[in-house]
Protein backbone atom coordinates (compact mmCIF):
# COMPACT_ATOMS: atom_id res chain seq x y z
CA ASN A 1 -0.30 -0.53 0.06
CA ARG A 2 3.03 2.42 0.91
CA LEU A 3 4.85 1.83 -2.54
CA ARG A 4 1.36 2.31 -4.28
CA ARG A 5 0.49 5.68 -2.90
CA THR A 6 4.09 6.68 -2.98
CA LYS A 7 3.47 5.38 -6.72
CA ASN A 8 0.31 7.71 -6.89
CA ILE A 9 1.81 10.80 -5.21
CA ALA A 10 4.39 10.59 -7.98
CA GLY A 11 2.40 10.18 -11.09
CA ILE A 12 0.16 13.52 -9.33
CA CYS A 13 3.60 15.36 -9.13
CA ARG A 14 4.37 14.37 -12.68
CA ILE A 15 1.34 16.11 -14.21
CA GLN A 16 1.42 19.08 -12.05
CA LEU A 17 5.50 19.75 -13.34
CA ARG A 18 4.27 19.36 -17.30
CA LYS A 19 1.56 21.60 -16.56
CA GLY A 20 4.48 24.55 -14.90
CA ILE A 21 2.46 24.16 -11.34
CA THR A 22 5.18 24.60 -8.61
CA MET A 23 6.96 21.26 -7.32
CA LYS A 24 4.39 20.47 -3.86
CA PRO A 25 5.52 19.49 -0.89
CA GLU A 26 4.86 16.08 -1.27
CA SER A 27 6.85 15.59 -4.51
CA GLN A 28 10.10 17.37 -2.43
CA ILE A 29 10.04 14.56 0.04
CA LEU A 30 9.24 12.22 -2.57
CA TYR A 31 12.17 13.01 -5.01
CA ARG A 32 14.59 13.63 -1.75
CA GLU A 33 13.77 10.33 -0.20
CA HIS A 34 13.49 7.78 -3.00
CA PHE A 35 16.88 7.72 -5.21
CA PHE A 36 14.11 5.49 -7.44
CA PHE A 37 11.77 8.40 -8.26
CA LEU A 38 14.57 11.08 -8.30
CA ALA A 39 16.58 8.78 -10.89
CA ASP A 40 13.34 8.87 -12.94
CA LYS A 41 13.01 12.67 -12.64
CA ALA A 42 16.41 13.23 -13.66
CA LEU A 43 16.28 10.64 -16.73
CA ARG A 44 13.08 12.74 -17.80
CA GLU A 45 14.23 15.94 -17.53
CA THR A 46 17.77 15.40 -19.29
CA LYS A 47 17.34 12.61 -21.62
CA GLY A 48 13.46 12.23 -22.14
CA ILE A 49 13.39 8.14 -20.90
CA SER A 50 11.73 6.59 -17.99
CA ILE A 51 13.14 3.82 -15.91
CA LYS A 52 9.79 2.30 -15.63
CA ASN A 53 9.35 -0.66 -17.55
CA GLN A 54 13.33 -0.88 -18.00
CA PRO A 55 14.19 -3.84 -15.82
CA TYR A 56 17.97 -3.55 -15.83
CA LEU A 57 17.63 0.38 -14.63
CA GLU A 58 15.60 -1.34 -11.61
CA VAL A 59 18.09 -3.15 -10.92
CA THR A 60 20.77 -0.83 -10.90
CA ARG A 61 18.61 1.88 -9.07
CA LEU A 62 18.21 -0.32 -6.70
CA LYS A 63 21.63 -1.64 -5.89
CA LEU A 64 22.53 1.97 -5.89
CA THR A 65 19.85 2.78 -3.39
CA LYS A 66 20.90 -0.27 -1.22
CA ILE A 67 24.64 1.59 -1.07
CA PHE A 68 23.17 4.88 -0.22
CA LEU A 69 21.45 3.40 2.47
CA GLY A 70 24.27 1.11 3.70
CA GLU A 71 22.36 -2.16 3.38
CA SER A 72 24.81 -3.43 0.85
CA SER A 73 28.36 -3.66 0.41
CA ARG A 74 29.76 -0.06 0.03
CA ARG A 75 31.20 -1.65 -3.79
CA LEU A 76 29.76 -2.58 -7.03
CA VAL A 77 30.65 -2.87 -10.10
CA ILE A 78 27.96 -2.19 -13.18
CA ASN A 79 28.65 -4.03 -16.51
CA GLU A 80 26.30 -3.26 -19.11
CA PRO A 81 26.53 -2.67 -22.88
CA PRO A 82 27.49 0.70 -23.94
CA ARG A 83 24.55 3.82 -24.36
CA HIS A 84 22.54 1.72 -21.25
CA LEU A 85 22.90 4.53 -19.29
CA LYS A 86 24.98 3.24 -16.52
CA THR A 87 26.98 6.86 -16.62
CA TRP A 88 24.10 8.74 -16.26
CA LEU A 89 22.32 6.86 -13.62
CA SER A 90 25.17 5.66 -11.35
CA SER A 91 27.67 8.39 -11.94
CA ILE A 92 25.95 11.73 -12.58
CA ILE A 93 22.45 11.19 -10.96
CA PHE A 94 23.95 8.82 -8.02
CA ALA A 95 26.13 11.68 -7.03
CA SER A 96 24.13 14.31 -7.59
CA TYR A 97 21.69 12.53 -5.15
CA PHE A 98 24.26 11.91 -2.87
CA LEU A 99 25.59 15.14 -2.68
CA GLY A 100 22.31 16.60 -2.22
CA HIS A 101 22.30 14.92 0.52
CA ASN A 102 25.58 15.29 2.00
CA PRO A 103 26.61 18.38 1.09
CA LYS A 104 29.69 18.83 2.80
CA LYS A 105 31.71 15.65 1.32
CA ASP A 106 33.70 15.16 -1.37
CA VAL A 107 32.69 13.05 -4.80
CA LEU A 108 35.49 12.38 -6.83
CA ILE A 109 34.92 11.16 -10.63
CA VAL A 110 37.79 8.83 -12.01
CA CYS A 111 37.81 8.29 -15.75
CA HIS A 112 40.11 6.91 -18.43
CA ASP A 113 40.00 10.40 -20.15
CA GLU A 114 40.31 13.77 -19.06
CA ASP A 115 37.40 14.87 -21.32
CA LEU A 116 35.12 12.23 -19.98
CA ALA A 117 35.93 13.04 -16.38
CA THR A 118 34.82 16.57 -16.80
CA GLN A 119 31.97 15.99 -19.04
CA ILE A 120 30.41 13.74 -16.03
CA VAL A 121 31.38 16.44 -13.17
CA ASP A 122 29.83 19.19 -15.72
CA GLU A 123 26.20 17.06 -15.92
CA ILE A 124 26.61 16.82 -12.60
CA ARG A 125 26.68 20.64 -12.18
CA GLY A 126 24.06 20.77 -14.70
CA ILE A 127 21.19 18.76 -12.52
CA PHE A 128 22.39 21.22 -9.17
CA ARG A 129 21.31 24.06 -11.55
CA SER A 130 18.11 22.39 -12.25
CA LYS A 131 15.07 24.08 -11.66
CA TRP A 132 13.53 20.66 -9.78
CA PHE A 133 16.46 19.46 -8.20
CA LYS A 134 16.83 23.47 -6.24
CA ALA A 135 12.94 22.97 -5.49
CA VAL A 136 14.10 19.30 -3.95
CA PHE A 137 17.34 20.21 -2.35
CA PRO A 138 17.13 24.22 -1.37
CA GLU A 139 19.72 24.11 0.99
CA VAL A 140 22.53 22.30 -1.60
CA LYS A 141 24.34 25.39 -3.49
CA ILE A 142 27.00 25.78 -5.91
CA LYS A 143 29.44 28.09 -4.47
CA ALA A 144 29.65 30.90 -7.06
CA ASP A 145 33.67 31.35 -6.63
CA HIS A 146 34.38 27.32 -7.09
CA SER A 147 32.63 26.45 -10.38
CA ARG A 148 35.24 25.33 -12.63
CA SER A 149 34.65 22.74 -15.53
CA GLY A 150 35.23 19.29 -14.16
CA ASP A 151 35.76 21.19 -10.60
CA PHE A 152 32.97 22.46 -8.13
CA ARG A 153 32.42 23.04 -4.69
CA THR A 154 29.13 23.32 -2.61
CA THR A 155 28.31 26.13 0.02
CA ARG A 156 28.99 23.58 2.54
CA GLY A 157 32.31 22.44 1.55
CA GLY A 158 31.81 19.42 -0.10
CA GLY A 159 32.10 19.32 -3.69
CA VAL A 160 32.76 17.31 -6.96
CA LYS A 161 36.02 16.71 -8.93
CA ALA A 162 36.67 14.84 -12.03
CA ILE A 163 40.39 13.15 -12.71
CA THR A 164 41.65 10.78 -14.75
CA ILE A 165 43.18 6.89 -13.91
CA ASN A 166 46.83 8.71 -14.30
CA THR A 167 45.95 11.50 -12.32
CA LYS A 168 48.52 11.62 -9.00
CA HIS A 169 45.87 12.27 -6.52
CA ALA A 170 47.82 11.92 -3.56
CA GLY A 171 46.99 13.28 -0.32
CA ARG A 172 43.19 14.62 -1.18
CA GLY A 173 40.29 12.18 -0.14
CA ALA A 174 37.08 11.59 -0.99
CA ASP A 175 33.74 10.14 0.64
CA LEU A 176 32.43 8.46 -2.90
CA LEU A 177 34.43 7.55 -5.21
CA ILE A 178 32.86 6.40 -8.70
CA PHE A 179 35.75 4.67 -11.46
CA ASP A 180 33.72 5.31 -14.97
CA ASP A 181 34.98 3.99 -17.62
CA VAL A 182 38.70 3.96 -16.63
CA VAL A 183 40.02 1.70 -19.17
CA ASP A 184 39.56 3.20 -22.71
CA ILE A 185 38.30 0.24 -24.94
CA PRO A 186 41.09 -0.10 -27.15
CA ASP A 187 43.43 -1.20 -24.30
CA TRP A 188 40.73 -3.60 -22.42
CA ASN A 189 42.98 -6.49 -23.17
CA ASP A 190 46.63 -4.63 -22.98
CA ASP A 191 48.12 -5.74 -19.33
CA ASP A 192 50.08 -2.93 -19.99
CA HIS A 193 47.55 -0.58 -19.22
CA MET A 194 46.02 -2.83 -16.88
C-alpha cells in the first residue's frame, strides 16, 4: 500500500510539473527520500527516458539505493553494454543524490579520459542548477567562486572533482569514489594498461 501510494503521489507530481505548477512539498519529499523517483525524474528531464518498464535500470537503481542506505556492500561493479545509461544513472544522478544529501562531502569521478571525467562533473553541475533539483535540495548550492568545468564546490564545503586514472591525487580524499570507464576500449586486453 505504501509503495502504491508513493507511486500515485509521483504520478500526480509529474502531471503538475508538466503543467508548470510549482513542486509541492509531497513531491520534494518523494524525490528527496527515494533515489528511484529522483533518478526517474532526472532521466526524464535530461534524456526524456523513464526508468519504468526497463528492468536493468530498476536493478541498477535498487543496487545504488542499497549502497546509499548502507544496506549493501560499499562496492559495486556495473557491467552493461554501451549506451545503456550506466554513466547517467550510476555516476551523474547517484553523485547528485549523494551530494544533495551530504553537501559537506567530496565526490571524485575517475575516468580513463579527462574529457569524459569533466563531462560527467559538468552534467552533475547541470542537475544542481536545474529548478527541480533546487526545489528538492534547496539548502545545497554551488559555491559561486569555485565552479569550474570538471570541479565545483558546494557552499557547505563538499564538492565534485574530475580526474583521470593516471592523475596523481595523493593526499586528497573522497567520501564517494566513482570509477567510470577507467579503461579505454582499445586497451581492454592490454596488460601494460591494466
